[in-house]
Protein backbone atom coordinates (compact mmCIF):
# COMPACT_ATOMS: atom_id res chain seq x y z
CA MET A 1 -7.55 13.41 43.80
CA THR A 2 -3.89 13.56 44.57
CA SER A 3 -1.62 16.03 42.87
CA ARG A 4 0.21 13.19 41.10
CA ARG A 5 -3.02 11.87 39.53
CA LEU A 6 -4.02 15.39 38.56
CA ALA A 7 -0.66 15.92 36.86
CA VAL A 8 -1.04 12.64 34.92
CA LEU A 9 -4.57 13.63 33.86
CA VAL A 10 -3.46 17.09 32.72
CA ALA A 11 -0.48 15.59 30.83
CA ALA A 12 -2.78 13.11 29.06
CA LEU A 13 -5.23 15.86 28.07
CA VAL A 14 -2.45 18.12 26.81
CA ALA A 15 -0.92 15.24 24.81
CA GLN A 16 -4.28 14.57 23.12
CA GLN A 17 -4.72 18.22 22.23
CA LEU A 18 -1.18 18.45 20.87
CA PHE A 19 -1.80 15.37 18.71
CA LEU A 20 -4.98 16.91 17.27
CA VAL A 21 -3.27 20.23 16.55
CA TRP A 22 -0.31 18.43 14.94
CA THR A 23 -2.63 16.34 12.73
CA VAL A 24 -4.56 19.40 11.53
CA TRP A 25 -1.33 21.34 10.96
CA GLN A 26 0.12 18.48 8.92
CA GLY A 27 -2.99 18.31 6.71
CA GLU A 28 -3.10 22.08 6.20
CA ARG A 29 0.60 22.14 5.35
CA THR A 30 0.08 19.36 2.78
CA VAL A 31 -2.70 21.38 1.15
CA SER A 32 -0.80 24.69 1.13
CA GLU A 33 2.66 23.40 0.12
CA GLY A 34 1.85 20.24 -1.80
CA VAL A 35 1.89 19.38 -5.47
CA VAL A 36 -1.68 19.16 -6.80
CA VAL A 37 -2.50 16.23 -9.07
CA ARG A 38 -5.74 15.18 -10.73
CA LEU A 39 -6.71 11.52 -10.37
CA ALA A 40 -9.37 10.16 -12.72
CA LEU A 41 -12.37 8.39 -11.20
CA ARG A 42 -14.28 5.26 -12.13
CA GLY A 43 -18.05 5.31 -12.38
CA ALA A 44 -20.07 5.61 -9.18
CA ASP A 45 -21.01 2.59 -7.09
CA PRO A 46 -24.66 1.99 -6.29
CA VAL A 47 -26.00 3.22 -2.94
CA ASP A 48 -25.04 0.84 -0.13
CA PRO A 49 -28.10 0.27 2.09
CA ILE A 50 -25.94 -0.93 5.00
CA ARG A 51 -23.69 2.15 5.14
CA GLY A 52 -26.35 4.71 4.31
CA ARG A 53 -26.04 7.90 2.24
CA TYR A 54 -22.53 8.99 1.41
CA VAL A 55 -20.60 9.99 -1.69
CA THR A 56 -18.95 6.95 -3.23
CA PHE A 57 -16.14 7.04 -5.75
CA GLN A 58 -13.13 5.01 -6.75
CA VAL A 59 -9.87 6.29 -8.18
CA LEU A 60 -9.17 4.74 -11.59
CA GLU A 61 -5.67 3.60 -10.57
CA ASP A 62 -6.57 2.78 -6.97
CA ARG A 63 -4.31 -0.25 -6.52
CA PRO A 64 -1.28 -0.20 -8.84
CA ARG A 65 0.75 -3.41 -9.01
CA ALA A 66 4.05 -3.57 -7.13
CA PRO A 67 6.95 -4.99 -9.18
CA ASP A 68 8.07 -7.33 -6.39
CA THR A 69 5.60 -9.61 -4.58
CA THR A 70 7.87 -9.86 -1.51
CA TRP A 71 7.07 -6.20 -0.76
CA CYS A 72 3.70 -7.33 0.62
CA ASP A 73 5.51 -9.49 3.19
CA THR A 74 7.26 -6.54 4.82
CA GLU A 75 5.99 -4.02 7.31
CA SER A 76 7.19 -1.07 5.24
CA ARG A 77 5.01 1.25 3.17
CA LEU A 78 5.24 1.47 -0.57
CA VAL A 79 5.82 4.68 -2.48
CA VAL A 80 3.61 5.50 -5.48
CA VAL A 81 5.13 7.98 -7.95
CA PHE A 82 2.85 9.97 -10.27
CA GLY A 83 3.51 11.49 -13.68
CA GLN A 84 1.39 13.69 -15.92
CA GLY A 85 -0.76 11.93 -18.52
CA ASP A 86 -1.85 13.24 -21.91
CA ASP A 87 -5.29 14.26 -20.65
CA ASP A 88 -4.01 16.39 -17.72
CA MET A 89 -4.65 13.50 -15.32
CA ALA A 90 -1.93 12.06 -13.14
CA THR A 91 -0.94 8.47 -13.81
CA VAL A 92 1.05 6.05 -11.70
CA THR A 93 4.52 5.83 -13.21
CA GLU A 94 6.22 3.70 -10.59
CA VAL A 95 5.72 1.77 -7.36
CA ARG A 96 8.87 1.55 -5.25
CA THR A 97 10.09 1.28 -1.67
CA THR A 98 12.02 4.55 -1.36
CA PRO A 99 10.74 8.10 -1.93
CA PRO A 100 12.05 10.06 -4.93
CA THR A 101 13.91 13.31 -4.34
CA THR A 102 11.48 15.32 -6.49
CA GLY A 103 8.06 15.01 -8.07
CA ALA A 104 4.59 13.96 -6.99
CA TRP A 105 4.51 10.88 -4.77
CA MET A 106 2.69 9.41 -1.80
CA TYR A 107 2.98 6.56 0.66
CA ALA A 108 0.66 3.59 0.15
CA GLU A 109 -0.03 0.39 2.04
CA PRO A 110 0.97 -2.95 0.49
CA VAL A 111 -1.95 -5.36 0.03
CA ARG A 112 -2.24 -8.88 -1.34
CA TRP A 113 -4.61 -9.04 -4.28
CA ASP A 114 -6.57 -12.01 -5.65
CA ALA A 115 -3.58 -14.23 -6.25
CA ALA A 116 -0.77 -14.95 -3.82
CA ASP A 117 1.73 -13.65 -6.37
CA ASP A 118 0.00 -10.28 -6.80
CA CYS A 119 1.11 -7.42 -4.54
CA ARG A 120 -0.55 -4.03 -4.93
CA ALA A 121 -0.21 -0.57 -3.40
CA SER A 122 -3.46 0.67 -1.87
CA LEU A 123 -3.74 4.46 -2.24
CA GLY A 124 -6.44 4.75 0.40
CA LEU A 125 -8.19 7.64 -1.39
CA ASP A 126 -11.73 6.42 -0.91
CA ARG A 127 -13.31 9.03 1.37
CA PHE A 128 -13.90 12.73 0.96
CA TYR A 129 -15.90 14.54 3.59
CA LEU A 130 -18.13 17.30 2.21
CA ASN A 131 -20.45 19.87 3.65
CA GLU A 132 -23.76 18.11 4.30
CA ALA A 133 -25.54 20.42 1.85
CA ASP A 134 -23.08 19.57 -0.96
CA ALA A 135 -22.92 15.81 -0.44
CA PRO A 136 -26.32 14.96 -2.05
CA LEU A 137 -25.49 17.23 -5.01
CA ALA A 138 -22.09 15.54 -5.48
CA ASP A 139 -23.64 12.09 -5.16
CA ALA A 140 -26.30 12.92 -7.77
CA ALA A 141 -23.69 14.42 -10.12
CA LEU A 142 -21.53 11.28 -9.86
CA ARG A 143 -24.48 9.01 -10.59
CA GLU A 144 -25.54 11.05 -13.63
CA ALA A 145 -22.01 11.49 -14.99
CA SER A 146 -20.70 9.63 -17.98
CA ALA A 147 -19.39 6.16 -17.10
CA GLU A 148 -16.35 6.67 -19.34
CA ARG A 149 -15.33 9.97 -17.74
CA PRO A 150 -17.17 10.57 -14.46
CA GLY A 151 -14.75 13.14 -13.04
CA TRP A 152 -11.61 13.47 -10.99
CA LEU A 153 -10.17 14.15 -7.57
CA GLU A 154 -7.76 16.97 -6.92
CA VAL A 155 -5.21 15.67 -4.44
CA SER A 156 -2.42 17.63 -2.77
CA LEU A 157 0.75 15.59 -2.22
CA SER A 158 3.59 16.57 0.13
CA GLY A 159 6.12 14.50 2.04
CA GLY A 160 4.31 11.27 1.24
CA ARG A 161 0.97 12.53 2.56
CA ALA A 162 -2.10 12.93 0.37
CA VAL A 163 -5.08 15.19 1.05
CA ILE A 164 -8.11 15.30 -1.24
CA THR A 165 -8.93 18.96 -1.81
CA ALA A 166 -11.78 18.73 -4.33
CA LEU A 167 -14.07 16.43 -6.25
CA VAL A 168 -14.89 17.64 -9.79
CA VAL A 169 -17.79 16.09 -11.74
CA ASP A 170 -19.03 17.45 -15.09
CA GLY A 171 -17.49 20.84 -14.39
CA GLN A 172 -19.04 21.08 -10.91
CA ARG A 173 -16.49 21.48 -8.15
CA PHE A 174 -17.21 20.10 -4.68
CA GLY A 175 -14.91 20.92 -1.79
CA SER A 176 -12.43 23.72 -1.25
């Protein structure tokens, strides 16, 4: 191997490691410095035999409607702004194209919904990785929980990023 090829290989390996460190640092910073909101969940989905065993949940306001359908035709991300509801749960107060200067907000992807004139913001909060010992307990708790009020996610928001920090079902806390 020539020294030039070795240098390219080392540079590629270092770049990959730097990307991984940067990604972890960004997530940890979001958790430590972010605004924590609680997002209500819908009832649990049935077990999917194709995907196997995993904890399934869906945020109650998973795809809020964008006020302008042309926003789905652009390459830009949407911004979802949250406010505090009466029951201590965060609610979507606005979908817009520019971030607010203060408050709890996150970036979301624009998606076309059932009709061509329906543009929604997809929050993308559909996966939460748990310790393997806790996952079956969380799954069972979600399935046994009340359909009207199954639980909530605690999500840390900072700089448009969102990190799920905990899943709470019937007073049981799963996650950090």
